Amino acid sequence: MTPPLAIAGYRVLVPYLRGYGATHFRNSAAPRMAEQAALGQDLNDFADALGITRFAIAGYDWGGRAACIASALHPDRVRAAVFIGGYLIQNTITPSPPAAPETERALWYQWYFNTERGRAGLSQNRRCICRLLWETWSPGWPFNDETFNRTAASFDNPDFVDVVIHSYRHRNGNAQGEARFEATEQQLAKRPRFTFRRLSCTEGRWRITQAASRIN
């Protein structure tokens, strides 16, 4: 996605999420937390630091959640957005009830990370676990070692394990969040709607519609 946009003359910025790559916490004593409100705030702060008033954003998984949150809380700043995976804002105040067994099985790693064994396993086997998840969630993508290793280097961040573990525990009510984000999490728990022009692709056919929904 990035090279074609840059070639077309757009300014394209691809920041790491907290806990990945070369990121670090400015306060070395700060707890390594990654609740959804923090990810959204990081995106807003990133734009502020660069003096960018309005921007278009695109994201997948955690990045998609940050993009959704920025769009919901700062609609005056987001001029366009691409959410790969749909609406990803969560209700962390009232965690969702158990899903169907097939879904619960697919999310095994999330329950694993809610245990101390999971923390130890991620610390010991971060690349193996992440590669397994790539293969599981993208079965049609024949990526090679070179492609994976380019991204896997970002998992070596010393804060990676703490950040990942906190994210999965917080969303399930098993970890405290930051006090400064309590009001934001309450707002996000209502799963806010926003109005936009929606571009969707189904079975190879593109369609543009006007929507005011959660797109979930």
N, C-alpha and C. Protein backbone atom coordinates (compact mmCIF):
# COMPACT_ATOMS: atom_id res chain seq x y z
N MET A 1 0.81 -1.20 0.00
CA MET A 1 0.00 0.00 0.00
C MET A 1 0.86 1.26 0.00
N THR A 2 1.94 1.28 0.77
CA THR A 2 2.72 2.50 0.96
C THR A 2 3.42 3.00 -0.30
N PRO A 3 4.18 2.14 -1.03
CA PRO A 3 4.89 2.65 -2.21
C PRO A 3 4.01 3.32 -3.26
N PRO A 4 2.87 2.74 -3.64
CA PRO A 4 2.03 3.42 -4.65
C PRO A 4 1.55 4.79 -4.19
N LEU A 5 1.21 4.93 -2.90
CA LEU A 5 0.76 6.22 -2.39
C LEU A 5 1.89 7.25 -2.42
N ALA A 6 3.08 6.81 -2.02
CA ALA A 6 4.23 7.71 -2.03
C ALA A 6 4.58 8.14 -3.45
N ILE A 7 4.54 7.19 -4.38
CA ILE A 7 4.83 7.49 -5.78
C ILE A 7 3.82 8.49 -6.34
N ALA A 8 2.58 8.39 -5.87
CA ALA A 8 1.52 9.29 -6.33
C ALA A 8 1.65 10.69 -5.73
N GLY A 9 2.62 10.87 -4.83
CA GLY A 9 2.86 12.19 -4.28
C GLY A 9 2.32 12.44 -2.90
N TYR A 10 1.75 11.41 -2.26
CA TYR A 10 1.22 11.58 -0.91
C TYR A 10 2.33 11.43 0.12
N ARG A 11 2.19 12.14 1.22
CA ARG A 11 3.11 11.96 2.35
C ARG A 11 2.59 10.78 3.15
N VAL A 12 3.38 9.74 3.25
CA VAL A 12 2.94 8.50 3.90
C VAL A 12 3.81 8.23 5.12
N LEU A 13 3.19 8.08 6.27
CA LEU A 13 3.88 7.81 7.52
C LEU A 13 3.40 6.47 8.07
N VAL A 14 4.34 5.61 8.47
CA VAL A 14 3.98 4.28 8.97
C VAL A 14 4.60 4.10 10.36
N PRO A 15 3.93 4.58 11.38
CA PRO A 15 4.50 4.49 12.74
C PRO A 15 4.32 3.10 13.34
N TYR A 16 5.23 2.75 14.22
CA TYR A 16 5.07 1.52 14.99
C TYR A 16 4.05 1.77 16.11
N LEU A 17 3.34 0.75 16.48
CA LEU A 17 2.51 0.80 17.68
C LEU A 17 3.43 0.76 18.90
N ARG A 18 2.94 1.24 20.02
CA ARG A 18 3.74 1.17 21.25
C ARG A 18 4.13 -0.28 21.55
N GLY A 19 5.37 -0.45 21.98
CA GLY A 19 5.87 -1.78 22.30
C GLY A 19 6.46 -2.52 21.12
N TYR A 20 6.45 -1.89 19.95
CA TYR A 20 7.00 -2.52 18.74
C TYR A 20 8.14 -1.67 18.18
N GLY A 21 9.03 -2.33 17.46
CA GLY A 21 10.09 -1.62 16.77
C GLY A 21 10.96 -0.81 17.72
N ALA A 22 11.23 0.44 17.31
CA ALA A 22 12.12 1.30 18.09
C ALA A 22 11.39 2.17 19.09
N THR A 23 10.10 1.92 19.32
CA THR A 23 9.35 2.75 20.27
C THR A 23 9.86 2.54 21.68
N HIS A 24 9.70 3.57 22.50
CA HIS A 24 10.03 3.44 23.92
C HIS A 24 9.15 4.40 24.71
N PHE A 25 8.95 4.10 25.96
CA PHE A 25 8.18 4.96 26.84
C PHE A 25 9.08 6.09 27.31
N ARG A 26 8.62 7.31 27.18
CA ARG A 26 9.44 8.47 27.54
C ARG A 26 9.74 8.49 29.03
N ASN A 27 8.82 7.95 29.83
CA ASN A 27 9.05 7.81 31.25
C ASN A 27 9.41 6.35 31.52
N SER A 28 10.63 6.11 31.89
CA SER A 28 11.08 4.72 32.07
C SER A 28 10.33 4.01 33.18
N ALA A 29 9.71 4.77 34.09
CA ALA A 29 8.98 4.17 35.21
C ALA A 29 7.51 3.95 34.88
N ALA A 30 7.05 4.40 33.72
CA ALA A 30 5.63 4.27 33.35
C ALA A 30 5.26 2.81 33.16
N PRO A 31 4.07 2.40 33.62
CA PRO A 31 3.64 1.02 33.40
C PRO A 31 3.45 0.77 31.92
N ARG A 32 3.79 -0.42 31.47
CA ARG A 32 3.69 -0.78 30.04
C ARG A 32 2.27 -1.24 29.75
N MET A 33 1.41 -0.29 29.44
CA MET A 33 0.00 -0.57 29.20
C MET A 33 -0.35 -0.33 27.75
N ALA A 34 -1.39 -1.03 27.27
CA ALA A 34 -1.78 -0.89 25.86
C ALA A 34 -3.28 -1.07 25.69
N GLU A 35 -4.06 -0.44 26.59
CA GLU A 35 -5.51 -0.50 26.39
C GLU A 35 -5.86 0.25 25.11
N GLN A 36 -7.04 -0.01 24.57
CA GLN A 36 -7.40 0.56 23.27
C GLN A 36 -7.38 2.09 23.27
N ALA A 37 -7.79 2.72 24.37
CA ALA A 37 -7.79 4.18 24.43
C ALA A 37 -6.38 4.74 24.29
N ALA A 38 -5.40 4.01 24.81
CA ALA A 38 -4.01 4.45 24.70
C ALA A 38 -3.54 4.41 23.25
N LEU A 39 -3.94 3.36 22.52
CA LEU A 39 -3.54 3.25 21.11
C LEU A 39 -4.12 4.40 20.30
N GLY A 40 -5.38 4.73 20.57
CA GLY A 40 -6.00 5.83 19.86
C GLY A 40 -5.35 7.16 20.21
N GLN A 41 -5.00 7.34 21.48
CA GLN A 41 -4.34 8.58 21.90
C GLN A 41 -2.95 8.69 21.29
N ASP A 42 -2.25 7.56 21.19
CA ASP A 42 -0.92 7.57 20.57
C ASP A 42 -0.99 8.11 19.14
N LEU A 43 -2.02 7.70 18.41
CA LEU A 43 -2.17 8.15 17.03
C LEU A 43 -2.42 9.65 16.98
N ASN A 44 -3.25 10.14 17.86
CA ASN A 44 -3.55 11.57 17.93
C ASN A 44 -2.30 12.36 18.32
N ASP A 45 -1.56 11.84 19.30
CA ASP A 45 -0.33 12.52 19.74
C ASP A 45 0.73 12.52 18.64
N PHE A 46 0.77 11.45 17.87
CA PHE A 46 1.73 11.35 16.76
C PHE A 46 1.46 12.47 15.75
N ALA A 47 0.19 12.66 15.42
CA ALA A 47 -0.17 13.72 14.48
C ALA A 47 0.15 15.09 15.06
N ASP A 48 -0.12 15.28 16.35
CA ASP A 48 0.19 16.55 17.00
C ASP A 48 1.68 16.86 16.93
N ALA A 49 2.49 15.85 17.22
CA ALA A 49 3.94 16.05 17.24
C ALA A 49 4.49 16.46 15.87
N LEU A 50 3.82 16.03 14.82
CA LEU A 50 4.25 16.36 13.46
C LEU A 50 3.53 17.58 12.91
N GLY A 51 2.65 18.16 13.71
CA GLY A 51 1.94 19.34 13.27
C GLY A 51 0.93 19.06 12.17
N ILE A 52 0.37 17.85 12.17
CA ILE A 52 -0.61 17.47 11.16
C ILE A 52 -2.01 17.66 11.73
N THR A 53 -2.76 18.56 11.12
CA THR A 53 -4.10 18.86 11.62
C THR A 53 -5.14 17.86 11.16
N ARG A 54 -5.13 17.55 9.86
CA ARG A 54 -6.07 16.59 9.30
C ARG A 54 -5.31 15.52 8.54
N PHE A 55 -5.84 14.31 8.54
CA PHE A 55 -5.11 13.21 7.91
C PHE A 55 -6.06 12.08 7.53
N ALA A 56 -5.58 11.24 6.64
CA ALA A 56 -6.28 10.00 6.30
C ALA A 56 -5.50 8.88 6.97
N ILE A 57 -6.21 7.87 7.45
CA ILE A 57 -5.55 6.79 8.16
C ILE A 57 -6.02 5.42 7.65
N ALA A 58 -5.15 4.46 7.79
CA ALA A 58 -5.48 3.08 7.43
C ALA A 58 -4.84 2.17 8.46
N GLY A 59 -5.51 1.10 8.82
CA GLY A 59 -4.93 0.21 9.80
C GLY A 59 -5.59 -1.16 9.81
N TYR A 60 -4.83 -2.12 10.32
CA TYR A 60 -5.31 -3.51 10.43
C TYR A 60 -5.07 -4.00 11.85
N ASP A 61 -6.01 -4.73 12.39
CA ASP A 61 -5.90 -5.31 13.73
C ASP A 61 -5.70 -4.19 14.76
N TRP A 62 -4.61 -4.19 15.53
CA TRP A 62 -4.42 -3.13 16.52
C TRP A 62 -4.38 -1.77 15.84
N GLY A 63 -3.74 -1.68 14.69
CA GLY A 63 -3.69 -0.43 13.96
C GLY A 63 -5.07 -0.01 13.48
N GLY A 64 -5.88 -0.99 13.10
CA GLY A 64 -7.25 -0.70 12.70
C GLY A 64 -8.08 -0.19 13.87
N ARG A 65 -7.82 -0.74 15.06
CA ARG A 65 -8.54 -0.27 16.26
C ARG A 65 -8.16 1.17 16.57
N ALA A 66 -6.87 1.48 16.47
CA ALA A 66 -6.42 2.86 16.70
C ALA A 66 -7.06 3.80 15.69
N ALA A 67 -7.16 3.36 14.44
CA ALA A 67 -7.77 4.18 13.39
C ALA A 67 -9.26 4.40 13.67
N CYS A 68 -9.95 3.36 14.11
CA CYS A 68 -11.37 3.48 14.46
C CYS A 68 -11.57 4.47 15.59
N ILE A 69 -10.74 4.37 16.62
CA ILE A 69 -10.88 5.24 17.78
C ILE A 69 -10.61 6.69 17.41
N ALA A 70 -9.57 6.92 16.62
CA ALA A 70 -9.27 8.28 16.19
C ALA A 70 -10.43 8.85 15.38
N SER A 71 -11.02 8.03 14.53
CA SER A 71 -12.14 8.48 13.69
C SER A 71 -13.38 8.79 14.53
N ALA A 72 -13.61 8.00 15.58
CA ALA A 72 -14.78 8.19 16.42
C ALA A 72 -14.64 9.39 17.35
N LEU A 73 -13.44 9.56 17.91
CA LEU A 73 -13.23 10.62 18.90
C LEU A 73 -12.78 11.95 18.29
N HIS A 74 -12.21 11.90 17.10
CA HIS A 74 -11.70 13.12 16.47
C HIS A 74 -12.14 13.19 15.01
N PRO A 75 -13.43 13.20 14.76
CA PRO A 75 -13.92 13.22 13.38
C PRO A 75 -13.51 14.48 12.62
N ASP A 76 -13.20 15.55 13.35
CA ASP A 76 -12.76 16.79 12.71
C ASP A 76 -11.36 16.68 12.14
N ARG A 77 -10.60 15.66 12.59
CA ARG A 77 -9.22 15.51 12.12
C ARG A 77 -9.08 14.44 11.04
N VAL A 78 -9.94 13.44 11.08
CA VAL A 78 -9.81 12.32 10.15
C VAL A 78 -10.63 12.59 8.89
N ARG A 79 -9.95 12.78 7.78
CA ARG A 79 -10.64 13.10 6.53
C ARG A 79 -11.01 11.85 5.75
N ALA A 80 -10.35 10.74 6.01
CA ALA A 80 -10.66 9.47 5.35
C ALA A 80 -10.03 8.35 6.17
N ALA A 81 -10.64 7.16 6.12
CA ALA A 81 -10.11 6.05 6.91
C ALA A 81 -10.36 4.72 6.22
N VAL A 82 -9.40 3.83 6.37
CA VAL A 82 -9.53 2.46 5.87
C VAL A 82 -9.37 1.53 7.07
N PHE A 83 -10.45 0.82 7.41
CA PHE A 83 -10.41 -0.12 8.53
C PHE A 83 -10.38 -1.53 7.96
N ILE A 84 -9.23 -2.13 7.98
CA ILE A 84 -9.11 -3.49 7.45
C ILE A 84 -9.53 -4.45 8.56
N GLY A 85 -10.70 -5.03 8.41
CA GLY A 85 -11.23 -5.88 9.47
C GLY A 85 -12.49 -5.30 10.08
N GLY A 86 -12.90 -4.11 9.61
CA GLY A 86 -14.16 -3.53 10.08
C GLY A 86 -14.03 -2.75 11.36
N TYR A 87 -15.15 -2.58 12.04
CA TYR A 87 -15.25 -1.78 13.27
C TYR A 87 -14.64 -2.56 14.43
N LEU A 88 -13.60 -2.00 15.07
CA LEU A 88 -12.84 -2.76 16.06
C LEU A 88 -12.85 -2.15 17.46
N ILE A 89 -13.70 -1.15 17.68
CA ILE A 89 -13.77 -0.57 19.02
C ILE A 89 -14.47 -1.56 19.96
N GLN A 90 -13.89 -1.74 21.14
CA GLN A 90 -14.39 -2.75 22.08
C GLN A 90 -15.07 -2.11 23.29
N ASN A 91 -15.91 -2.88 23.93
CA ASN A 91 -16.49 -2.50 25.21
C ASN A 91 -15.65 -3.18 26.29
N THR A 92 -14.72 -2.43 26.87
CA THR A 92 -13.86 -3.01 27.90
C THR A 92 -14.46 -2.85 29.30
N ILE A 93 -15.57 -2.12 29.40
CA ILE A 93 -16.22 -1.93 30.70
C ILE A 93 -17.04 -3.18 31.05
N THR A 94 -17.72 -3.72 30.04
CA THR A 94 -18.48 -4.95 30.22
C THR A 94 -18.00 -5.96 29.19
N PRO A 95 -17.00 -6.76 29.53
CA PRO A 95 -16.46 -7.73 28.58
C PRO A 95 -17.56 -8.62 28.00
N SER A 96 -17.40 -8.99 26.75
CA SER A 96 -18.41 -9.79 26.06
C SER A 96 -18.53 -11.20 26.65
N PRO A 97 -19.69 -11.81 26.55
CA PRO A 97 -19.87 -13.19 27.04
C PRO A 97 -19.14 -14.16 26.12
N PRO A 98 -18.98 -15.40 26.54
CA PRO A 98 -18.32 -16.39 25.69
C PRO A 98 -19.00 -16.52 24.34
N ALA A 99 -18.18 -16.68 23.31
CA ALA A 99 -18.70 -16.85 21.96
C ALA A 99 -18.89 -18.33 21.65
N ALA A 100 -19.21 -18.63 20.41
CA ALA A 100 -19.38 -20.03 20.00
C ALA A 100 -18.05 -20.77 20.20
N PRO A 101 -18.10 -22.07 20.47
CA PRO A 101 -16.87 -22.82 20.72
C PRO A 101 -15.82 -22.68 19.62
N GLU A 102 -16.27 -22.63 18.36
CA GLU A 102 -15.31 -22.51 17.27
C GLU A 102 -14.56 -21.18 17.34
N THR A 103 -15.28 -20.12 17.73
CA THR A 103 -14.66 -18.81 17.86
C THR A 103 -13.71 -18.77 19.05
N GLU A 104 -14.14 -19.35 20.16
CA GLU A 104 -13.29 -19.39 21.35
C GLU A 104 -11.99 -20.15 21.06
N ARG A 105 -12.09 -21.23 20.31
CA ARG A 105 -10.90 -22.01 19.96
C ARG A 105 -9.94 -21.18 19.11
N ALA A 106 -10.49 -20.41 18.15
CA ALA A 106 -9.65 -19.62 17.26
C ALA A 106 -8.90 -18.52 18.02
N LEU A 107 -9.46 -18.10 19.15
CA LEU A 107 -8.84 -17.04 19.94
C LEU A 107 -8.02 -17.59 21.10
N TRP A 108 -7.51 -18.79 20.96
CA TRP A 108 -6.77 -19.46 22.03
C TRP A 108 -5.66 -18.59 22.62
N TYR A 109 -4.95 -17.87 21.76
CA TYR A 109 -3.80 -17.08 22.21
C TYR A 109 -4.23 -15.97 23.16
N GLN A 110 -5.46 -15.44 22.96
CA GLN A 110 -5.92 -14.39 23.85
C GLN A 110 -6.14 -14.92 25.26
N TRP A 111 -6.70 -16.11 25.37
CA TRP A 111 -6.90 -16.71 26.70
C TRP A 111 -5.55 -17.13 27.29
N TYR A 112 -4.66 -17.60 26.43
CA TYR A 112 -3.31 -18.00 26.86
C TYR A 112 -2.59 -16.80 27.49
N PHE A 113 -2.70 -15.63 26.85
CA PHE A 113 -2.01 -14.44 27.35
C PHE A 113 -2.62 -13.90 28.64
N ASN A 114 -3.77 -14.42 29.03
CA ASN A 114 -4.38 -14.02 30.29
C ASN A 114 -3.89 -14.89 31.44
N THR A 115 -2.89 -15.73 31.17
CA THR A 115 -2.29 -16.56 32.21
C THR A 115 -0.80 -16.23 32.31
N GLU A 116 -0.20 -16.56 33.44
CA GLU A 116 1.24 -16.33 33.59
C GLU A 116 2.03 -17.27 32.70
N ARG A 117 1.48 -18.44 32.42
CA ARG A 117 2.13 -19.34 31.48
C ARG A 117 2.19 -18.68 30.10
N GLY A 118 1.12 -17.98 29.74
CA GLY A 118 1.09 -17.28 28.46
C GLY A 118 2.12 -16.18 28.38
N ARG A 119 2.30 -15.45 29.48
CA ARG A 119 3.33 -14.41 29.50
C ARG A 119 4.71 -15.02 29.29
N ALA A 120 4.97 -16.12 30.01
CA ALA A 120 6.27 -16.79 29.87
C ALA A 120 6.44 -17.34 28.45
N GLY A 121 5.35 -17.90 27.91
CA GLY A 121 5.43 -18.46 26.56
C GLY A 121 5.71 -17.40 25.52
N LEU A 122 5.06 -16.24 25.64
CA LEU A 122 5.30 -15.16 24.68
C LEU A 122 6.71 -14.64 24.81
N SER A 123 7.21 -14.56 26.03
CA SER A 123 8.57 -14.09 26.25
C SER A 123 9.60 -15.04 25.61
N GLN A 124 9.36 -16.34 25.75
CA GLN A 124 10.28 -17.34 25.21
C GLN A 124 10.12 -17.56 23.71
N ASN A 125 8.90 -17.48 23.23
CA ASN A 125 8.61 -17.92 21.86
C ASN A 125 7.89 -16.86 21.03
N ARG A 126 8.22 -15.60 21.22
CA ARG A 126 7.46 -14.54 20.58
C ARG A 126 7.42 -14.69 19.06
N ARG A 127 8.53 -15.02 18.44
CA ARG A 127 8.53 -15.13 16.98
C ARG A 127 7.75 -16.36 16.51
N CYS A 128 7.89 -17.45 17.21
CA CYS A 128 7.15 -18.67 16.82
C CYS A 128 5.65 -18.46 16.97
N ILE A 129 5.23 -17.84 18.06
CA ILE A 129 3.81 -17.60 18.27
C ILE A 129 3.26 -16.65 17.21
N CYS A 130 3.99 -15.57 16.95
CA CYS A 130 3.52 -14.59 15.97
C CYS A 130 3.47 -15.20 14.57
N ARG A 131 4.42 -16.04 14.25
CA ARG A 131 4.40 -16.67 12.93
C ARG A 131 3.20 -17.62 12.82
N LEU A 132 2.93 -18.35 13.88
CA LEU A 132 1.78 -19.25 13.88
C LEU A 132 0.49 -18.46 13.67
N LEU A 133 0.39 -17.30 14.29
CA LEU A 133 -0.81 -16.47 14.13
C LEU A 133 -0.90 -15.91 12.71
N TRP A 134 0.22 -15.55 12.12
CA TRP A 134 0.21 -15.12 10.71
C TRP A 134 -0.36 -16.24 9.84
N GLU A 135 0.14 -17.44 10.06
CA GLU A 135 -0.29 -18.58 9.23
C GLU A 135 -1.76 -18.91 9.47
N THR A 136 -2.20 -18.76 10.72
CA THR A 136 -3.59 -19.09 11.07
C THR A 136 -4.57 -18.09 10.48
N TRP A 137 -4.25 -16.78 10.62
CA TRP A 137 -5.19 -15.75 10.22
C TRP A 137 -5.05 -15.32 8.75
N SER A 138 -3.98 -15.75 8.10
CA SER A 138 -3.81 -15.43 6.67
C SER A 138 -3.43 -16.70 5.91
N PRO A 139 -4.33 -17.69 5.93
CA PRO A 139 -3.99 -18.99 5.32
C PRO A 139 -3.71 -18.93 3.82
N GLY A 140 -4.21 -17.91 3.13
CA GLY A 140 -3.98 -17.82 1.70
C GLY A 140 -2.78 -16.99 1.31
N TRP A 141 -2.02 -16.53 2.30
CA TRP A 141 -0.86 -15.67 2.03
C TRP A 141 0.42 -16.51 2.11
N PRO A 142 1.06 -16.78 0.99
CA PRO A 142 2.27 -17.61 0.98
C PRO A 142 3.52 -16.80 1.29
N PHE A 143 3.58 -16.17 2.48
CA PHE A 143 4.75 -15.36 2.81
C PHE A 143 5.96 -16.25 3.06
N ASN A 144 7.15 -15.67 2.88
CA ASN A 144 8.39 -16.44 3.10
C ASN A 144 9.12 -15.92 4.34
N ASP A 145 10.25 -16.54 4.65
CA ASP A 145 11.00 -16.16 5.85
C ASP A 145 11.44 -14.71 5.80
N GLU A 146 11.86 -14.26 4.63
CA GLU A 146 12.34 -12.88 4.49
C GLU A 146 11.24 -11.88 4.85
N THR A 147 10.03 -12.13 4.35
CA THR A 147 8.91 -11.24 4.63
C THR A 147 8.60 -11.22 6.12
N PHE A 148 8.54 -12.40 6.72
CA PHE A 148 8.23 -12.47 8.14
C PHE A 148 9.31 -11.81 8.98
N ASN A 149 10.56 -12.07 8.66
CA ASN A 149 11.66 -11.56 9.47
C ASN A 149 11.77 -10.04 9.43
N ARG A 150 11.33 -9.44 8.34
CA ARG A 150 11.34 -7.98 8.28
C ARG A 150 10.44 -7.39 9.36
N THR A 151 9.31 -8.03 9.61
CA THR A 151 8.40 -7.56 10.64
C THR A 151 8.80 -8.09 12.01
N ALA A 152 9.28 -9.32 12.07
CA ALA A 152 9.58 -9.97 13.35
C ALA A 152 10.61 -9.21 14.17
N ALA A 153 11.48 -8.45 13.52
CA ALA A 153 12.47 -7.67 14.26
C ALA A 153 11.78 -6.69 15.21
N SER A 154 10.56 -6.26 14.85
CA SER A 154 9.84 -5.30 15.71
C SER A 154 9.36 -5.95 17.00
N PHE A 155 9.33 -7.29 17.04
CA PHE A 155 8.89 -7.98 18.25
C PHE A 155 9.99 -8.01 19.32
N ASP A 156 11.20 -7.61 18.95
CA ASP A 156 12.33 -7.66 19.89
C ASP A 156 12.36 -6.47 20.83
N ASN A 157 11.42 -5.56 20.70
CA ASN A 157 11.34 -4.42 21.60
C ASN A 157 11.23 -4.93 23.04
N PRO A 158 11.99 -4.37 23.97
CA PRO A 158 11.94 -4.85 25.36
C PRO A 158 10.58 -4.70 26.04
N ASP A 159 9.72 -3.84 25.50
CA ASP A 159 8.39 -3.65 26.08
C ASP A 159 7.32 -4.50 25.41
N PHE A 160 7.70 -5.23 24.38
CA PHE A 160 6.72 -5.97 23.57
C PHE A 160 5.84 -6.90 24.41
N VAL A 161 6.44 -7.73 25.23
CA VAL A 161 5.68 -8.72 25.99
C VAL A 161 4.71 -8.04 26.96
N ASP A 162 5.19 -7.07 27.73
CA ASP A 162 4.33 -6.39 28.69
C ASP A 162 3.16 -5.69 28.01
N VAL A 163 3.43 -5.05 26.87
CA VAL A 163 2.39 -4.32 26.15
C VAL A 163 1.33 -5.28 25.61
N VAL A 164 1.76 -6.36 25.00
CA VAL A 164 0.83 -7.33 24.44
C VAL A 164 -0.01 -7.98 25.54
N ILE A 165 0.64 -8.39 26.59
CA ILE A 165 -0.08 -9.04 27.69
C ILE A 165 -1.11 -8.09 28.29
N HIS A 166 -0.73 -6.84 28.50
CA HIS A 166 -1.68 -5.90 29.08
C HIS A 166 -2.88 -5.69 28.17
N SER A 167 -2.65 -5.58 26.88
CA SER A 167 -3.75 -5.36 25.95
C SER A 167 -4.79 -6.47 26.05
N TYR A 168 -4.35 -7.71 26.02
CA TYR A 168 -5.29 -8.82 26.04
C TYR A 168 -5.93 -9.04 27.41
N ARG A 169 -5.24 -8.66 28.45
CA ARG A 169 -5.83 -8.80 29.78
C ARG A 169 -6.82 -7.67 30.07
N HIS A 170 -6.48 -6.47 29.66
CA HIS A 170 -7.36 -5.34 29.93
C HIS A 170 -8.70 -5.52 29.25
N ARG A 171 -8.71 -5.94 28.00
CA ARG A 171 -9.97 -6.06 27.27
C ARG A 171 -10.88 -7.14 27.86
N ASN A 172 -10.30 -8.05 28.66
CA ASN A 172 -11.08 -9.10 29.29
C ASN A 172 -11.30 -8.86 30.78
N GLY A 173 -10.99 -7.65 31.23
CA GLY A 173 -11.25 -7.31 32.62
C GLY A 173 -10.27 -7.90 33.60
N ASN A 174 -9.11 -8.32 33.12
CA ASN A 174 -8.13 -8.94 34.01
C ASN A 174 -6.90 -8.07 34.26
N ALA A 175 -6.97 -6.81 33.90
CA ALA A 175 -5.87 -5.88 34.17
C ALA A 175 -6.44 -4.47 34.27
N GLN A 176 -5.87 -3.68 35.16
CA GLN A 176 -6.29 -2.29 35.33
C GLN A 176 -5.82 -1.46 34.14
N GLY A 177 -6.59 -0.42 33.82
CA GLY A 177 -6.16 0.51 32.81
C GLY A 177 -5.57 1.75 33.45
N GLU A 178 -5.16 2.71 32.63
CA GLU A 178 -4.64 3.96 33.15
C GLU A 178 -5.80 4.87 33.57
N ALA A 179 -5.64 5.53 34.69
CA ALA A 179 -6.70 6.40 35.21
C ALA A 179 -7.07 7.49 34.20
N ARG A 180 -6.10 8.00 33.46
CA ARG A 180 -6.38 9.10 32.53
C ARG A 180 -7.26 8.67 31.36
N PHE A 181 -7.41 7.36 31.15
CA PHE A 181 -8.22 6.88 30.05
C PHE A 181 -9.59 6.34 30.47
N GLU A 182 -9.91 6.45 31.75
CA GLU A 182 -11.18 5.89 32.23
C GLU A 182 -12.38 6.49 31.50
N ALA A 183 -12.40 7.81 31.38
CA ALA A 183 -13.54 8.47 30.72
C ALA A 183 -13.61 8.07 29.25
N THR A 184 -12.45 7.95 28.61
CA THR A 184 -12.42 7.56 27.19
C THR A 184 -12.94 6.14 27.02
N GLU A 185 -12.54 5.24 27.91
CA GLU A 185 -13.01 3.86 27.81
C GLU A 185 -14.52 3.78 28.02
N GLN A 186 -15.04 4.61 28.92
CA GLN A 186 -16.49 4.66 29.11
C GLN A 186 -17.17 5.11 27.82
N GLN A 187 -16.59 6.08 27.16
CA GLN A 187 -17.16 6.58 25.90
C GLN A 187 -17.07 5.51 24.81
N LEU A 188 -15.94 4.83 24.74
CA LEU A 188 -15.75 3.81 23.72
C LEU A 188 -16.63 2.59 23.97
N ALA A 189 -16.98 2.35 25.23
CA ALA A 189 -17.83 1.20 25.57
C ALA A 189 -19.20 1.32 24.93
N LYS A 190 -19.60 2.55 24.60
CA LYS A 190 -20.88 2.76 23.93
C LYS A 190 -20.77 2.47 22.44
N ARG A 191 -19.58 2.13 22.01
CA ARG A 191 -19.27 1.79 20.61
C ARG A 191 -19.85 2.87 19.69
N PRO A 192 -19.26 4.07 19.76
CA PRO A 192 -19.78 5.22 19.02
C PRO A 192 -19.85 5.00 17.51
N ARG A 193 -20.88 5.58 16.94
CA ARG A 193 -21.07 5.54 15.50
C ARG A 193 -20.43 6.77 14.88
N PHE A 194 -20.11 6.69 13.60
CA PHE A 194 -19.66 7.86 12.87
C PHE A 194 -20.10 7.75 11.43
N THR A 195 -20.32 8.91 10.81
CA THR A 195 -20.82 8.97 9.44
C THR A 195 -19.66 9.10 8.48
N PHE A 196 -19.73 8.37 7.39
CA PHE A 196 -18.67 8.38 6.40
C PHE A 196 -19.17 7.76 5.11
N ARG A 197 -18.40 7.94 4.07
CA ARG A 197 -18.68 7.23 2.82
C ARG A 197 -17.91 5.93 2.88
N ARG A 198 -18.61 4.86 2.67
CA ARG A 198 -18.04 3.53 2.85
C ARG A 198 -17.73 2.88 1.50
N LEU A 199 -16.49 2.41 1.38
CA LEU A 199 -16.07 1.67 0.20
C LEU A 199 -15.85 0.22 0.64
N SER A 200 -16.63 -0.68 0.09
CA SER A 200 -16.52 -2.07 0.49
C SER A 200 -16.29 -2.97 -0.73
N CYS A 201 -15.69 -4.10 -0.46
CA CYS A 201 -15.42 -5.06 -1.53
C CYS A 201 -15.99 -6.41 -1.14
N THR A 202 -16.88 -6.93 -1.95
CA THR A 202 -17.48 -8.24 -1.72
C THR A 202 -17.39 -9.05 -2.99
N GLU A 203 -16.72 -10.19 -2.90
CA GLU A 203 -16.56 -11.08 -4.04
C GLU A 203 -16.02 -10.33 -5.27
N GLY A 204 -15.03 -9.47 -4.99
CA GLY A 204 -14.36 -8.79 -6.09
C GLY A 204 -15.10 -7.58 -6.64
N ARG A 205 -16.24 -7.22 -6.06
CA ARG A 205 -17.01 -6.08 -6.54
C ARG A 205 -16.96 -4.94 -5.53
N TRP A 206 -16.56 -3.78 -6.01
CA TRP A 206 -16.45 -2.61 -5.15
C TRP A 206 -17.75 -1.83 -5.13
N ARG A 207 -18.08 -1.25 -3.97
CA ARG A 207 -19.33 -0.52 -3.83
C ARG A 207 -19.12 0.65 -2.86
N ILE A 208 -19.64 1.83 -3.21
CA ILE A 208 -19.55 3.00 -2.34
C ILE A 208 -20.94 3.33 -1.82
N THR A 209 -21.08 3.45 -0.51
CA THR A 209 -22.36 3.79 0.11
C THR A 209 -22.14 4.83 1.18
N GLN A 210 -23.20 5.52 1.57
CA GLN A 210 -23.14 6.45 2.70
C GLN A 210 -23.59 5.69 3.93
N ALA A 211 -22.87 5.82 5.01
CA ALA A 211 -23.22 5.03 6.20
C ALA A 211 -23.08 5.86 7.46
N ALA A 212 -23.88 5.55 8.45
CA ALA A 212 -23.77 6.15 9.78
C ALA A 212 -23.96 4.99 10.75
N SER A 213 -22.93 4.23 10.92
CA SER A 213 -23.06 3.00 11.68
C SER A 213 -21.75 2.59 12.28
N ARG A 214 -21.77 1.40 12.86
CA ARG A 214 -20.55 0.86 13.45
C ARG A 214 -19.81 -0.03 12.45
N ILE A 215 -20.35 -0.27 11.31
CA ILE A 215 -19.80 -1.13 10.26
C ILE A 215 -19.29 -2.46 10.79
N ASN A 216 -19.97 -3.04 11.79
CA ASN A 216 -19.51 -4.32 12.30
C ASN A 216 -20.44 -5.43 11.83
